[in-house]
Protein backbone atom coordinates (compact mmCIF):
# COMPACT_ATOMS: atom_id res chain seq x y z
CA UNK A 1 30.13 8.85 0.83
CA UNK A 2 26.99 9.55 -1.19
CA UNK A 3 24.27 6.92 -0.76
CA UNK A 4 23.28 7.25 -4.42
CA UNK A 5 26.69 5.92 -5.56
CA UNK A 6 25.35 2.41 -4.90
CA UNK A 7 22.62 2.95 -7.49
CA UNK A 8 24.93 4.57 -10.04
CA UNK A 9 27.38 1.67 -9.69
CA UNK A 10 24.59 -0.79 -10.42
CA UNK A 11 23.46 1.27 -13.42
CA UNK A 12 27.00 1.07 -14.76
CA UNK A 13 27.35 -2.69 -14.25
CA UNK A 14 23.81 -3.72 -15.29
CA UNK A 15 22.50 -0.91 -17.54
CA UNK A 16 19.87 -2.99 -19.33
CA UNK A 17 18.20 -4.46 -16.26
CA UNK A 18 14.67 -3.23 -15.53
CA UNK A 19 14.86 -0.70 -12.69
CA UNK A 20 11.35 0.73 -12.32
CA UNK A 21 7.98 -0.18 -13.80
CA UNK A 22 4.89 1.97 -13.27
CA UNK A 23 1.68 2.40 -15.28
CA UNK A 24 2.90 0.04 -18.00
CA UNK A 25 6.20 1.85 -18.58
CA UNK A 26 9.59 0.42 -17.63
CA UNK A 27 12.84 2.33 -17.12
CA UNK A 28 16.11 0.43 -17.28
CA UNK A 29 18.91 1.19 -14.83
CA UNK A 30 20.62 3.18 -17.58
CA UNK A 31 17.41 5.14 -18.27
CA UNK A 32 16.82 5.93 -14.60
CA UNK A 33 20.43 6.97 -14.05
CA UNK A 34 20.43 9.24 -17.12
CA UNK A 35 17.16 10.91 -16.14
CA UNK A 36 18.26 11.35 -12.52
CA UNK A 37 21.62 12.85 -13.52
CA UNK A 38 19.99 15.22 -16.00
CA UNK A 39 17.46 16.31 -13.40
CA UNK A 40 20.30 16.79 -10.91
CA UNK A 41 22.05 19.08 -13.39
CA UNK A 42 18.91 21.19 -13.64
CA UNK A 43 18.68 21.37 -9.84
CA UNK A 44 22.33 22.39 -9.56
CA UNK A 45 21.61 25.39 -11.80
CA UNK A 46 18.51 26.45 -9.85
CA UNK A 47 19.07 29.84 -8.24
CA UNK A 48 17.39 28.91 -4.94
CA UNK A 49 19.27 25.65 -4.41
CA UNK A 50 22.62 25.38 -2.67
CA UNK A 51 24.44 22.44 -1.09
CA UNK A 52 22.19 20.80 1.49
CA UNK A 53 18.99 22.58 0.41
CA UNK A 54 15.81 20.67 1.18
CA UNK A 55 13.74 19.35 -1.74
CA UNK A 56 10.23 18.18 -0.86
CA UNK A 57 8.88 15.21 -2.83
CA UNK A 58 5.10 15.02 -2.46
CA UNK A 59 3.44 12.79 -5.03
CA UNK A 60 1.56 9.55 -5.41
CA UNK A 61 3.51 6.34 -5.98
CA UNK A 62 5.18 6.71 -9.36
CA UNK A 63 8.53 6.37 -11.14
CA UNK A 64 9.26 10.09 -10.73
CA UNK A 65 9.67 9.49 -7.00
CA UNK A 66 12.95 7.71 -7.71
CA UNK A 67 14.03 10.25 -10.32
CA UNK A 68 13.57 13.18 -7.93
CA UNK A 69 15.02 11.30 -4.94
CA UNK A 70 18.19 10.20 -6.73
CA UNK A 71 18.55 13.57 -8.48
CA UNK A 72 18.45 15.35 -5.13
CA UNK A 73 21.30 13.20 -3.82
CA UNK A 74 23.36 13.45 -7.00
CA UNK A 75 23.12 17.25 -6.71
CA UNK A 76 24.14 17.21 -3.04
CA UNK A 77 20.67 18.11 -1.70
CA UNK A 78 18.51 16.72 1.08
CA UNK A 79 15.30 14.94 0.03
CA UNK A 80 12.12 15.41 2.08
CA UNK A 81 9.60 12.76 0.97
CA UNK A 82 6.08 13.60 2.16
CA UNK A 83 2.97 11.41 2.29
CA UNK A 84 0.72 12.38 -0.61
CA UNK A 85 -2.33 11.60 1.53
CA UNK A 86 -1.64 14.49 3.90
CA UNK A 87 -3.89 17.54 3.84
CA UNK A 88 -2.31 20.48 1.98
CA UNK A 89 -2.16 22.41 5.28
CA UNK A 90 -0.13 19.57 6.79
CA UNK A 91 2.22 19.62 3.80
CA UNK A 92 2.54 23.38 4.28
CA UNK A 93 3.72 22.85 7.86
CA UNK A 94 6.49 20.54 6.67
CA UNK A 95 7.52 22.76 3.74
CA UNK A 96 7.72 25.76 6.06
CA UNK A 97 9.52 23.93 8.86
CA UNK A 98 12.32 22.58 6.68
CA UNK A 99 12.53 25.81 4.64
CA UNK A 100 12.23 23.81 1.44
CA UNK A 101 13.79 25.41 -1.61
CA UNK A 102 11.72 23.37 -4.09
CA UNK A 103 8.67 21.10 -4.08
CA UNK A 104 8.18 18.30 -6.59
CA UNK A 105 4.56 17.21 -6.88
CA UNK A 106 2.01 15.99 -9.42
CA UNK A 107 -0.80 17.64 -11.36
CA UNK A 108 -3.29 15.82 -9.12
CA UNK A 109 -1.92 17.48 -5.96
CA UNK A 110 -0.79 20.78 -7.47
CA UNK A 111 -4.13 22.59 -7.20
CA UNK A 112 -4.43 21.88 -3.50
CA UNK A 113 -0.85 22.83 -2.67
CA UNK A 114 -0.52 26.08 -4.64
CA UNK A 115 -2.83 28.27 -2.52
CA UNK A 116 -1.60 27.07 0.87
CA UNK A 117 2.10 27.36 0.00
CA UNK A 118 1.81 30.76 -1.66
CA UNK A 119 1.81 32.78 1.56
CA UNK A 120 4.86 31.18 3.19
CA UNK A 121 7.55 33.63 4.26
CA UNK A 122 9.87 31.96 1.76
CA UNK A 123 7.59 30.39 -0.88
CA UNK A 124 9.09 27.28 -2.45
CA UNK A 125 8.65 26.89 -6.21
CA UNK A 126 6.34 24.04 -7.18
CA UNK A 127 7.28 21.72 -10.04
CA UNK A 128 4.78 19.18 -11.28
CA UNK A 129 6.40 16.05 -12.68
CA UNK A 130 3.54 15.94 -15.18
CA UNK A 131 4.23 19.23 -16.94
CA UNK A 132 6.59 20.55 -19.61
CA UNK A 133 8.90 22.28 -17.13
CA UNK A 134 9.83 18.91 -15.65
CA UNK A 135 10.44 17.45 -19.10
CA UNK A 136 12.72 20.40 -19.86
CA UNK A 137 14.73 19.66 -16.71
CA UNK A 138 15.23 16.09 -17.94
CA UNK A 139 16.87 17.40 -21.11
CA UNK A 140 19.88 18.89 -19.28
CA UNK A 141 23.28 17.34 -19.83
CA UNK A 142 23.80 14.82 -17.00
CA UNK A 143 26.07 15.81 -14.12
CA UNK A 144 28.51 13.76 -12.05
CA UNK A 145 27.54 12.81 -8.54
CA UNK A 146 28.51 15.19 -5.75
CA UNK A 147 30.76 13.85 -3.00
CA UNK A 148 29.17 13.96 0.44
CA UNK A 149 30.32 13.46 4.01
CA UNK A 150 28.89 10.52 5.99
CA UNK A 151 26.94 12.81 8.34
CA UNK A 152 25.53 15.11 5.62
CA UNK A 153 21.76 15.02 5.51
CA UNK A 154 20.17 12.78 2.88
CA UNK A 155 16.54 12.23 3.95
CA UNK A 156 14.45 14.40 6.27
CA UNK A 157 11.78 12.03 7.59
CA UNK A 158 8.81 13.82 9.14
CA UNK A 159 7.09 11.93 11.90
CA UNK A 160 4.07 13.29 13.79
CA UNK A 161 4.89 14.65 17.23
CA UNK A 162 2.95 14.42 20.46
CA UNK A 163 2.20 18.14 20.24
CA UNK A 164 0.53 17.66 16.87
CA UNK A 165 3.46 19.38 15.11
CA UNK A 166 5.54 17.02 12.92
CA UNK A 167 9.25 16.62 13.66
CA UNK A 168 11.87 16.06 10.98
CA UNK A 169 14.17 13.15 11.78
CA UNK A 170 17.52 13.98 10.18
CA UNK A 171 18.77 10.89 8.37
CA UNK A 172 22.30 11.01 7.02
CA UNK A 173 24.05 9.21 4.20
CA UNK A 174 25.64 7.05 6.91
CA UNK A 175 22.18 6.18 8.32
CA UNK A 176 20.80 5.10 4.94
CA UNK A 177 23.91 3.13 4.10
CA UNK A 178 23.68 1.38 7.47
CA UNK A 179 20.00 0.61 6.88
CA UNK A 180 20.81 -0.85 3.45
CA UNK A 181 23.64 -3.01 4.75
CA UNK A 182 21.46 -4.25 7.61
CA UNK A 183 18.83 -5.28 5.05
CA UNK A 184 21.32 -7.47 3.23
CA UNK A 185 22.67 -8.91 6.47
CA UNK A 186 19.35 -9.68 8.14
CA UNK A 187 16.38 -9.60 5.78
CA UNK A 188 17.26 -10.75 2.29
CA UNK A 189 20.10 -11.19 -0.18
CA UNK A 190 18.77 -9.40 -3.27
CA UNK A 191 19.80 -10.76 -6.66
CA UNK A 192 19.80 -8.80 -9.91
CA UNK A 193 16.37 -9.16 -11.46
CA UNK A 194 14.49 -9.74 -8.21
CA UNK A 195 11.19 -7.87 -7.92
CA UNK A 196 10.03 -5.49 -5.20
CA UNK A 197 6.31 -4.82 -5.40
CA UNK A 198 5.32 -1.40 -4.04
CA UNK A 199 1.76 -1.07 -2.75
CA UNK A 200 2.50 1.10 0.30
CA UNK A 201 3.54 4.80 0.11
CA UNK A 202 7.10 5.27 -1.16
CA UNK A 203 7.47 8.29 1.13
CA UNK A 204 7.82 5.99 4.13
CA UNK A 205 9.14 2.50 4.95
CA UNK A 206 8.46 0.99 1.53
CA UNK A 207 10.55 3.69 -0.13
CA UNK A 208 13.36 3.29 2.36
CA UNK A 209 13.50 -0.47 1.83
CA UNK A 210 13.50 0.05 -1.92
CA UNK A 211 17.05 1.40 -1.56
CA UNK A 212 18.93 -1.82 -0.67
CA UNK A 213 16.77 -3.65 -3.19
CA UNK A 214 17.48 -1.37 -6.13
CA UNK A 215 21.14 -0.98 -5.13
CA UNK A 216 21.51 -4.72 -5.75
CA UNK A 217 19.78 -4.72 -9.12
CA UNK A 218 16.20 -5.24 -8.01
CA UNK A 219 13.23 -4.29 -10.18
CA UNK A 220 10.83 -1.83 -8.49
CA UNK A 221 7.24 -2.46 -9.61
CA UNK A 222 5.07 0.45 -8.49
CA UNK A 223 1.33 0.43 -8.02
CA UNK A 224 -0.35 3.75 -7.25
CA UNK A 225 -2.47 2.29 -4.47
CA UNK A 226 -3.11 -0.93 -2.62
CA UNK A 227 -5.78 -3.50 -3.37
CA UNK A 228 -5.65 -7.17 -2.36
CA UNK A 229 -6.09 -8.19 -6.00
CA UNK A 230 -3.05 -6.17 -7.10
CA UNK A 231 -0.98 -7.86 -4.42
CA UNK A 232 -2.09 -11.36 -5.38
CA UNK A 233 -1.74 -10.67 -9.11
CA UNK A 234 1.78 -9.32 -8.60
CA UNK A 235 2.82 -12.48 -6.78
CA UNK A 236 1.77 -14.53 -9.81
CA UNK A 237 3.10 -12.21 -12.51
CA UNK A 238 6.61 -11.21 -11.39
CA UNK A 239 9.64 -13.36 -10.46
CA UNK A 240 11.08 -13.58 -6.92
CA UNK A 241 8.81 -10.97 -5.34
CA UNK A 242 9.50 -9.06 -2.14
CA UNK A 243 7.25 -6.43 -0.62
CA UNK A 244 6.73 -4.36 2.49
CA UNK A 245 3.20 -4.34 3.90
CA UNK A 246 1.34 -3.13 6.94
CA UNK A 247 -0.51 -5.90 8.82
CA UNK A 248 -3.88 -4.58 7.68
CA UNK A 249 -2.84 -5.00 4.05
CA UNK A 250 -1.91 -8.60 4.76
CA UNK A 251 -5.20 -9.44 6.49
CA UNK A 252 -7.15 -7.98 3.56
CA UNK A 253 -5.07 -10.06 1.15
CA UNK A 254 -5.77 -13.18 3.23
CA UNK A 255 -9.50 -12.70 2.78
CA UNK A 256 -9.06 -12.21 -0.97
CA UNK A 257 -6.90 -15.34 -1.18
CA UNK A 258 -9.57 -17.67 0.18
CA UNK A 259 -10.06 -20.57 -2.20
CA UNK A 260 -6.86 -19.96 -4.18
CA UNK A 261 -4.56 -22.96 -4.45
CA UNK A 262 -1.24 -21.07 -4.67
CA UNK A 263 -1.85 -17.57 -3.37
CA UNK A 264 1.84 -17.13 -2.50
CA UNK A 265 2.93 -17.59 -6.11
CA UNK A 266 6.44 -16.19 -6.56
CA UNK A 267 6.63 -14.55 -3.15
CA UNK A 268 10.16 -14.55 -1.79
CA UNK A 269 10.01 -12.21 1.20
CA UNK A 270 7.08 -10.48 2.87
CA UNK A 271 8.37 -7.84 5.27
CA UNK A 272 5.72 -6.49 7.61
CA UNK A 273 5.79 -3.82 10.29
CA UNK A 274 4.45 -0.42 11.24
CA UNK A 275 1.78 -1.85 13.55
CA UNK A 276 1.16 -4.90 15.74
CA UNK A 277 0.09 -8.09 14.01
CA UNK A 278 -1.97 -10.49 16.06
CA UNK A 279 -0.69 -14.05 16.42
CA UNK A 280 -3.88 -15.53 14.98
CA UNK A 281 -3.41 -13.47 11.81
CA UNK A 282 0.25 -14.49 11.62
CA UNK A 283 -0.67 -18.16 11.73
CA UNK A 284 -3.19 -17.68 8.91
CA UNK A 285 -0.60 -15.77 6.87
CA UNK A 286 1.98 -18.51 7.30
CA UNK A 287 -0.60 -21.06 6.23
CA UNK A 288 -1.46 -19.14 3.04
CA UNK A 289 1.90 -17.64 2.04
CA UNK A 290 4.34 -20.07 3.62
CA UNK A 291 7.45 -19.37 5.73
CA UNK A 292 8.39 -16.22 3.85
CA UNK A 293 7.62 -13.61 6.51
CA UNK A 294 10.00 -11.22 8.25
CA UNK A 295 8.80 -8.71 10.84
CA UNK A 296 10.77 -5.53 11.41
CA UNK A 297 10.50 -3.02 14.23
CA UNK A 298 11.94 0.40 13.54
CA UNK A 299 11.11 4.08 13.58
CA UNK A 300 11.69 7.04 11.32
CA UNK A 301 14.40 7.96 13.83
CA UNK A 302 16.14 4.61 13.20
CA UNK A 303 14.85 3.79 9.75
CA UNK A 304 13.45 0.27 9.53
CA UNK A 305 16.25 -1.01 11.75
CA UNK A 306 15.87 -1.91 15.43
CA UNK A 307 14.75 -5.57 15.70
CA UNK A 308 13.64 -8.37 13.38
CA UNK A 309 11.64 -11.57 13.65
CA UNK A 310 13.24 -13.74 10.98
CA UNK A 311 11.79 -16.36 8.66
CA UNK A 312 13.16 -19.04 10.96
CA UNK A 313 11.56 -17.40 13.99
CA UNK A 314 8.16 -17.61 12.29
CA UNK A 315 8.44 -21.36 11.95
CA UNK A 316 7.57 -23.71 14.78
CA UNK A 317 5.25 -26.33 16.19
CA UNK A 318 2.59 -23.96 17.49
CA UNK A 319 3.50 -24.67 21.11
CA UNK A 320 3.54 -21.99 23.80
CA UNK A 321 7.14 -21.00 23.13
CA UNK A 322 6.49 -20.61 19.40
CA UNK A 323 3.36 -18.51 19.98
CA UNK A 324 5.21 -16.30 22.45
CA UNK A 325 7.94 -15.76 19.87
CA UNK A 326 5.36 -14.80 17.25
CA UNK A 327 3.94 -12.23 19.67
CA UNK A 328 7.36 -10.57 19.86
CA UNK A 329 9.12 -8.34 17.34
CA UNK A 330 12.28 -10.40 17.40
CA UNK A 331 15.88 -9.74 18.33
CA UNK A 332 18.25 -6.83 17.78
CA UNK A 333 19.43 -6.41 14.19
CA UNK A 334 23.07 -6.91 13.21
CA UNK A 335 25.32 -4.26 14.80
CA UNK A 336 22.30 -2.80 16.65
CA UNK A 337 22.05 -2.55 20.43
CA UNK A 338 18.65 -2.69 22.13
CA UNK A 339 17.93 -2.19 25.82
CA UNK A 340 14.85 -1.81 28.02
CA UNK A 341 15.39 0.75 30.77
CA UNK A 342 13.69 2.69 33.55
CA UNK A 343 13.27 6.46 33.58
CA UNK A 344 16.88 6.89 34.75
CA UNK A 345 18.33 4.74 31.98
CA UNK A 346 19.02 1.69 34.14
CA UNK A 347 18.55 -1.72 32.54
CA UNK A 348 15.47 -3.54 33.75
CA UNK A 349 15.29 -7.26 34.60
CA UNK A 350 14.12 -9.82 32.08
CA UNK A 351 10.38 -9.59 31.49
CA UNK A 352 9.94 -6.20 33.16
CA UNK A 353 8.51 -3.50 30.87
CA UNK A 354 10.27 -0.21 30.34
CA UNK A 355 11.26 2.20 27.59
CA UNK A 356 13.04 0.75 24.57
CA UNK A 357 16.31 2.45 23.68
CA UNK A 358 18.63 1.63 20.80
CA UNK A 359 22.02 2.55 19.39
CA UNK A 360 23.48 1.91 15.92
CA UNK A 361 24.74 3.60 12.78
CA UNK A 362 21.13 3.98 11.65
CA UNK A 363 20.22 6.28 14.56
CA UNK A 364 19.18 9.70 13.31
CA UNK A 365 21.39 12.74 13.75
CA UNK A 366 18.56 14.52 15.58
CA UNK A 367 15.39 16.46 14.87
CA UNK A 368 15.54 19.29 12.36
CA UNK A 369 15.63 22.69 14.03
CA UNK A 370 14.40 21.19 17.32
CA UNK A 371 17.25 20.91 19.86
CA UNK A 372 14.86 20.36 22.77
CA UNK A 373 13.24 17.31 21.16
CA UNK A 374 16.68 16.05 20.08
CA UNK A 375 18.03 16.29 23.63
CA UNK A 376 15.01 14.35 24.91
CA UNK A 377 15.26 11.61 22.25
CA UNK A 378 19.05 11.14 22.12
CA UNK A 379 20.88 10.70 25.40
CA UNK A 380 24.51 9.61 25.60
CA UNK A 381 24.26 8.27 22.07
CA UNK A 382 21.11 6.20 22.68
CA UNK A 383 17.79 6.79 20.94
CA UNK A 384 14.89 6.74 23.40
CA UNK A 385 12.07 5.40 21.25
CA UNK A 386 9.12 6.32 23.48
CA UNK A 387 7.85 2.73 23.07
CA UNK A 388 7.34 0.43 26.04
CA UNK A 389 8.53 -3.16 25.81
CA UNK A 390 10.23 -6.03 27.58
CA UNK A 391 13.05 -8.45 26.76
CA UNK A 392 12.92 -12.17 27.46
CA UNK A 393 15.89 -14.32 28.51
CA UNK A 394 16.79 -14.96 24.84
CA UNK A 395 16.77 -11.28 23.89
CA UNK A 396 13.42 -11.27 22.09
CA UNK A 397 11.68 -7.91 22.39
CA UNK A 398 7.93 -7.67 22.94
CA UNK A 399 6.16 -4.33 22.57
CA UNK A 400 3.91 -3.80 25.57
CA UNK A 401 2.42 -0.41 24.86
CA UNK A 402 2.84 2.63 22.67
CA UNK A 403 3.72 5.66 24.67
CA UNK A 404 2.35 9.06 23.70
CA UNK A 405 -1.02 7.45 22.95
CA UNK A 406 -0.24 6.97 19.29
CA UNK A 407 -2.94 5.36 17.14
CA UNK A 408 -1.82 3.05 14.33
CA UNK A 409 -4.40 2.83 11.57
CA UNK A 410 -3.48 0.50 8.74
CA UNK A 411 0.21 1.04 9.39
CA UNK A 412 -0.11 4.85 9.45
CA UNK A 413 0.70 6.68 12.67
CA UNK A 414 -1.95 9.06 14.02
CA UNK A 415 -1.31 11.18 17.08
CA UNK A 416 -4.49 12.08 18.98
CA UNK A 417 -3.19 15.52 19.91
CA UNK A 418 -3.22 16.77 16.33
CA UNK A 419 -6.88 15.77 15.96
CA UNK A 420 -7.79 17.20 19.36
CA UNK A 421 -6.28 20.55 18.52
CA UNK A 422 -8.37 20.78 15.36
CA UNK A 423 -11.61 19.81 17.14
CA UNK A 424 -10.96 22.37 19.89
CA UNK A 425 -11.12 25.12 17.26
CA UNK A 426 -14.90 24.68 17.12
CA UNK A 427 -16.54 27.31 19.35
CA UNK A 428 -18.93 24.77 20.87
CA UNK A 429 -16.23 22.34 22.01
CA UNK A 430 -15.02 22.64 25.60
CA UNK A 431 -12.94 19.49 25.92
CA UNK A 432 -11.98 16.60 23.67
CA UNK A 433 -10.05 13.36 23.90
CA UNK A 434 -9.22 11.10 20.96
CA UNK A 435 -8.32 7.45 21.39
CA UNK A 436 -7.90 4.41 19.16
CA UNK A 437 -10.82 2.01 18.85
CA UNK A 438 -10.13 -1.60 17.81
CA UNK A 439 -10.83 -2.29 14.13
CA UNK A 440 -10.85 -5.72 12.52
CA UNK A 441 -9.70 -4.30 9.18
CA UNK A 442 -7.31 -1.51 10.11
CA UNK A 443 -6.08 -2.38 13.59
CA UNK A 444 -7.33 0.87 15.10
CA UNK A 445 -9.58 3.76 14.17
CA UNK A 446 -9.59 7.17 15.88
CA UNK A 447 -12.74 8.05 17.82
CA UNK A 448 -13.41 11.31 19.65
CA UNK A 449 -15.02 12.02 23.02
CA UNK A 450 -16.31 15.61 22.87
CA UNK A 451 -17.60 17.68 25.78
CA UNK A 452 -19.64 20.69 24.67
CA UNK A 453 -19.84 24.11 26.24
CA UNK A 454 -22.97 24.89 28.19
CA UNK A 455 -26.05 25.52 26.04
CA UNK A 456 -24.13 24.92 22.83
CA UNK A 457 -24.58 22.19 20.24
CA UNK A 458 -22.63 20.68 17.37
CA UNK A 459 -23.20 17.73 15.10
CA UNK A 460 -20.79 14.95 14.19
CA UNK A 461 -21.07 16.13 10.59
CA UNK A 462 -19.84 19.61 11.54
CA UNK A 463 -16.86 18.18 13.39
CA UNK A 464 -16.13 15.86 10.47
CA UNK A 465 -16.08 18.83 8.12
CA UNK A 466 -13.69 20.70 10.42
CA UNK A 467 -11.30 17.75 10.44
CA UNK A 468 -11.46 17.25 6.69
CA UNK A 469 -10.62 20.93 6.18
CA UNK A 470 -7.43 20.60 8.21
CA UNK A 471 -6.29 16.98 8.34
CA UNK A 472 -5.70 14.05 6.05
CA UNK A 473 -8.88 12.05 5.54
CA UNK A 474 -7.47 8.94 7.19
CA UNK A 475 -6.98 10.88 10.45
CA UNK A 476 -10.56 12.02 10.96
CA UNK A 477 -12.45 10.27 13.78
CA UNK A 478 -14.76 7.52 12.63
CA UNK A 479 -17.17 8.10 15.51
CA UNK A 480 -18.01 10.89 17.96
CA UNK A 481 -19.26 10.50 21.51
CA UNK A 482 -20.71 13.42 23.48
CA UNK A 483 -20.36 12.73 27.24
CA UNK A 484 -21.16 15.38 29.85
CA UNK A 485 -17.56 15.26 31.08
CA UNK A 486 -14.31 13.32 30.68
CA UNK A 487 -12.77 11.07 33.35
CA UNK A 488 -9.79 12.73 35.06
CA UNK A 489 -7.33 11.99 37.81
CA UNK A 490 -6.63 14.18 40.84
CA UNK A 491 -4.35 16.38 38.77
CA UNK A 492 -6.99 17.02 36.12
CA UNK A 493 -5.35 14.77 33.51
CA UNK A 494 -7.80 13.03 31.20
CA UNK A 495 -7.76 9.28 31.79
CA UNK A 496 -7.59 7.80 28.31
CA UNK A 497 -7.31 4.33 29.80
CA UNK A 498 -10.76 4.78 31.33
CA UNK A 499 -12.13 5.92 27.98
CA UNK A 500 -10.69 2.84 26.33
CA UNK A 501 -12.33 0.65 28.95
CA UNK A 502 -15.67 2.38 28.40
CA UNK A 503 -15.31 1.85 24.68
CA UNK A 504 -14.13 -1.74 24.98
CA UNK A 505 -15.16 -3.03 28.43
CA UNK A 506 -14.03 -6.61 27.81
CA UNK A 507 -10.60 -5.52 26.62
CA UNK A 508 -10.89 -7.40 23.36
CA UNK A 509 -8.77 -6.43 20.37
């Protein structure tokens, strides 16, 4: 069972169909298969690569993402897609943790990655997909696909941890096959020639959902970044369009669509997730784009597959029951079990909040090289998500809170601890607490409460510079507050709830 067989079968049956379009260039299924198999042959001859070796893919949205991803699987390797927006030091942490044997990147990112990766104990060779060495790899004679076992690793998905150190969720060929089959069962039946418009990073949910789409003959249209105009233009230009978008992308598109008579154009399915979407925004989206929305709730640990709010669920009269349904994230996906439990794993009554746990063939194998975190997250076969929610009498799940204080900015997860640890490096900082502040455009923005050491000073600009030297730009706090102390309970724990109330006393979103 090799997940890439599904793509190779489609390339054999529909070789002339358009597979990937990016920057004005289109590769057919036959082209993409030939390039991926040639690249796989080059990887198989690489002295540092053996079966199961990790190959990091860190690049902007582009066609080479699919070439390197599929080539890794054809050669029997494990792909490690990494967000190109991360700071080079953050990429270094991932490359070192997974002991990557090779890193594919781009000329744009190469200069930043070379110096920080050079001093790793086992430096991984860097290959830019823009240079001659990559073109030489594509000239190898294509190789046949390696056979894999269902539980062999296919995708190492790094998700930020509460300690500020990312954890690699080990996704197997079985997991990705399950995710793809669930997509066809629950979300959409993809037809050959359908379009998937990519405006979100391929390293995350958008890339994962590209798999069932391309396996069924879908055309992947890749844009290097998101703008509302690109989204709206794509809906008019391409046939039968599907896309995955964070709620903030949708709300920005709504504003750009004002005054347009047919903003939805050729939209077939708009899958959204990664952050809460307010009911008022959902109603506006339905009004502009029609009943074409599907919400998914998932995690990197159960890729894109825990619950869904279907197209039918989005439709209704606007009464209380309909609005309550829109505030939920739907029901358990096909062949997926979802429960809400107390700390001891006992099921809680209807409507009572507790931790969400799930079990299915999409559940990760565990965390890479982290048995302690694996034992905490997977208990008796169930994935403990760390999210707090409740189930109603019909089985609809509503997220009540995000444990671990995670901030979701524009669909990207930010863990306060990783920012706090950077800010605490400044010699003038005694204590710090980072929370999410409501943002009309992005859902949440990180803000920092900083307590200074006695007789010491620091400016917001200095702290900003420290963050930008160590973190991705989107993670830096957008505002700094300098209180004399931080609110704490009797055990000395900082009360982030109190800080949120101080920041937003009326509790508005």
